[in-house]
Each structure stands twice: as structure tokens, then as C-alpha cells.
Amino acid sequence: MANLKSSLKDVRRTARRTLRNCMAKSALKTLARDVRESTGGEGAKAAAVAYVSAIDKAVKRGIVHKNRANRKKSALSAAIFGASTANG
């Protein structure tokens, strides 16, 4: 355990941030599941828009790496619009 006051504060701060990041990642996983389970139509489109928005916000806050977000969005786009249009 840390001895210095600043180190103790760093431990508390890290615990708070870790919890916040875990909650954000869990929310992303839930949104991804909603997208996978949604049927065609407006519900699927709304779920996809919410997922892309959330993943972009997670990138901005440093929770998810930019390349991972781009991979997820690309896979989502390929799933929605079909593999034929995704390949060119």
C-alpha cells in the first residue's frame, strides 16, 4: 500500500476511473448486443446510430482505442449493408 498522501489519492483516483471505464465498456457491450438482436427497420437503424455515437464518445474519453472503434464500426456497417457492398 502507498505511504504518501499523494500516492493514496492516486490509488483512490485510479479506482474511481477504473470503475467508470468498466461501466462505460459494459454499456458499449450492451449497445452492441442491442444492435445484434435488433430486427430490420427503424429499430435496427436507431440501435446502430446509438452504438456508433457511444463508441465515438468512448474514443474521445480515452476508454476505447481509435482503431478498435473503427474496426467495430466497419463490422457493423458490413453487417447492416451486407458483405457485397463492404468489399467494393
C-alpha atoms as a PDB file:
ATOM      1  CA  MET A   1       0.000   0.000   0.000  1.00  0.00           C
ATOM      2  CA  ALA A   2       1.144   3.533  -0.698  1.00  0.00           C
ATOM      3  CA  ASN A   3       2.600   5.685   2.050  1.00  0.00           C
ATOM      4  CA  LEU A   4       2.495   9.206   0.686  1.00  0.00           C
ATOM      5  CA  LYS A   5      -0.718  11.218   0.772  1.00  0.00           C
ATOM      6  CA  SER A   6      -0.492  11.891  -2.936  1.00  0.00           C
ATOM      7  CA  SER A   7       0.007   8.187  -3.630  1.00  0.00           C
ATOM      8  CA  LEU A   8      -3.039   7.304  -1.553  1.00  0.00           C
ATOM      9  CA  LYS A   9      -5.017   9.858  -3.501  1.00  0.00           C
ATOM     10  CA  ASP A  10      -3.732   8.342  -6.763  1.00  0.00           C
ATOM     11  CA  VAL A  11      -4.952   4.922  -5.635  1.00  0.00           C
ATOM     12  CA  ARG A  12      -8.427   6.312  -4.925  1.00  0.00           C
ATOM     13  CA  ARG A  13      -8.460   8.189  -8.218  1.00  0.00           C
ATOM     14  CA  THR A  14      -7.418   5.092 -10.160  1.00  0.00           C
ATOM     15  CA  ALA A  15     -10.156   3.029  -8.505  1.00  0.00           C
ATOM     16  CA  ARG A  16     -12.785   5.617  -9.472  1.00  0.00           C
ATOM     17  CA  ARG A  17     -11.532   5.791 -13.051  1.00  0.00           C
ATOM     18  CA  THR A  18     -11.359   2.015 -13.371  1.00  0.00           C
ATOM     19  CA  LEU A  19     -14.948   1.686 -12.211  1.00  0.00           C
ATOM     20  CA  ARG A  20     -16.089   4.413 -14.602  1.00  0.00           C
ATOM     21  CA  ASN A  21     -14.251   2.774 -17.523  1.00  0.00           C
ATOM     22  CA  CYS A  22     -15.738  -0.643 -16.713  1.00  0.00           C
ATOM     23  CA  MET A  23     -19.220   0.846 -16.646  1.00  0.00           C
ATOM     24  CA  ALA A  24     -18.656   2.560 -19.994  1.00  0.00           C
ATOM     25  CA  LYS A  25     -17.317  -0.624 -21.594  1.00  0.00           C
ATOM     26  CA  SER A  26     -20.266  -2.579 -20.241  1.00  0.00           C
ATOM     27  CA  ALA A  27     -22.645  -0.033 -21.740  1.00  0.00           C
ATOM     28  CA  LEU A  28     -20.886  -0.417 -25.101  1.00  0.00           C
ATOM     29  CA  LYS A  29     -21.276  -4.187 -24.934  1.00  0.00           C
ATOM     30  CA  THR A  30     -24.974  -3.781 -24.153  1.00  0.00           C
ATOM     31  CA  LEU A  31     -25.459  -1.449 -27.109  1.00  0.00           C
ATOM     32  CA  ALA A  32     -23.595  -3.886 -29.375  1.00  0.00           C
ATOM     33  CA  ARG A  33     -25.885  -6.693 -28.213  1.00  0.00           C
ATOM     34  CA  ASP A  34     -28.920  -4.492 -28.901  1.00  0.00           C
ATOM     35  CA  VAL A  35     -27.661  -3.918 -32.435  1.00  0.00           C
ATOM     36  CA  ARG A  36     -27.116  -7.654 -32.996  1.00  0.00           C
ATOM     37  CA  GLU A  37     -30.537  -8.573 -31.623  1.00  0.00           C
ATOM     38  CA  SER A  38     -32.491  -5.826 -33.372  1.00  0.00           C
ATOM     39  CA  THR A  39     -34.516  -6.724 -36.403  1.00  0.00           C
ATOM     40  CA  GLY A  40     -34.556  -4.721 -39.614  1.00  0.00           C
ATOM     41  CA  GLY A  41     -36.210  -1.360 -39.923  1.00  0.00           C
ATOM     42  CA  GLU A  42     -36.138   1.758 -37.815  1.00  0.00           C
ATOM     43  CA  GLY A  43     -35.282  -0.076 -34.589  1.00  0.00           C
ATOM     44  CA  ALA A  44     -32.088  -1.508 -36.054  1.00  0.00           C
ATOM     45  CA  LYS A  45     -31.085   1.832 -37.507  1.00  0.00           C
ATOM     46  CA  ALA A  46     -31.669   3.639 -34.212  1.00  0.00           C
ATOM     47  CA  ALA A  47     -29.692   0.990 -32.315  1.00  0.00           C
ATOM     48  CA  ALA A  48     -26.806   1.288 -34.780  1.00  0.00           C
ATOM     49  CA  VAL A  49     -26.751   5.080 -34.518  1.00  0.00           C
ATOM     50  CA  ALA A  50     -26.748   4.892 -30.719  1.00  0.00           C
ATOM     51  CA  TYR A  51     -23.898   2.361 -30.763  1.00  0.00           C
ATOM     52  CA  VAL A  52     -21.746   4.400 -33.146  1.00  0.00           C
ATOM     53  CA  SER A  53     -22.346   7.545 -31.116  1.00  0.00           C
ATOM     54  CA  ALA A  54     -21.443   5.799 -27.866  1.00  0.00           C
ATOM     55  CA  ILE A  55     -18.285   4.261 -29.277  1.00  0.00           C
ATOM     56  CA  ASP A  56     -17.160   7.631 -30.650  1.00  0.00           C
ATOM     57  CA  LYS A  57     -17.681   9.198 -27.234  1.00  0.00           C
ATOM     58  CA  ALA A  58     -15.685   6.369 -25.632  1.00  0.00           C
ATOM     59  CA  VAL A  59     -12.815   7.080 -28.033  1.00  0.00           C
ATOM     60  CA  LYS A  60     -12.955  10.768 -27.204  1.00  0.00           C
ATOM     61  CA  ARG A  61     -12.765   9.988 -23.480  1.00  0.00           C
ATOM     62  CA  GLY A  62      -9.888   7.537 -23.967  1.00  0.00           C
ATOM     63  CA  ILE A  63     -11.789   4.411 -22.939  1.00  0.00           C
ATOM     64  CA  VAL A  64     -11.518   2.655 -26.293  1.00  0.00           C
ATOM     65  CA  HIS A  65      -8.677   2.896 -28.802  1.00  0.00           C
ATOM     66  CA  LYS A  66      -9.455   4.668 -32.056  1.00  0.00           C
ATOM     67  CA  ASN A  67      -8.540   1.701 -34.267  1.00  0.00           C
ATOM     68  CA  ARG A  68     -10.721  -0.676 -32.246  1.00  0.00           C
ATOM     69  CA  ALA A  69     -13.646   1.697 -32.647  1.00  0.00           C
ATOM     70  CA  ASN A  70     -13.062   1.898 -36.383  1.00  0.00           C
ATOM     71  CA  ARG A  71     -12.988  -1.907 -36.630  1.00  0.00           C
ATOM     72  CA  LYS A  72     -16.245  -2.203 -34.702  1.00  0.00           C
ATOM     73  CA  LYS A  73     -17.971   0.451 -36.814  1.00  0.00           C
ATOM     74  CA  SER A  74     -16.722  -1.176 -40.014  1.00  0.00           C
ATOM     75  CA  ALA A  75     -18.001  -4.584 -38.923  1.00  0.00           C
ATOM     76  CA  LEU A  76     -21.343  -3.035 -38.002  1.00  0.00           C
ATOM     77  CA  SER A  77     -21.591  -1.360 -41.383  1.00  0.00           C
ATOM     78  CA  ALA A  78     -20.729  -4.597 -43.167  1.00  0.00           C
ATOM     79  CA  ALA A  79     -23.362  -6.479 -41.172  1.00  0.00           C
ATOM     80  CA  ILE A  80     -26.046  -3.900 -41.898  1.00  0.00           C
ATOM     81  CA  PHE A  81     -25.342  -3.225 -45.564  1.00  0.00           C
ATOM     82  CA  GLY A  82     -24.114  -6.700 -46.478  1.00  0.00           C
ATOM     83  CA  ALA A  83     -20.715  -8.087 -47.293  1.00  0.00           C
ATOM     84  CA  SER A  84     -21.092  -7.446 -51.033  1.00  0.00           C
ATOM     85  CA  THR A  85     -21.127  -3.657 -50.661  1.00  0.00           C
ATOM     86  CA  ALA A  86     -18.450  -3.701 -47.952  1.00  0.00           C
ATOM     87  CA  ASN A  87     -15.967  -5.430 -50.265  1.00  0.00           C
ATOM     88  CA  GLY A  88     -16.394  -2.905 -53.006  1.00  0.00           C
END
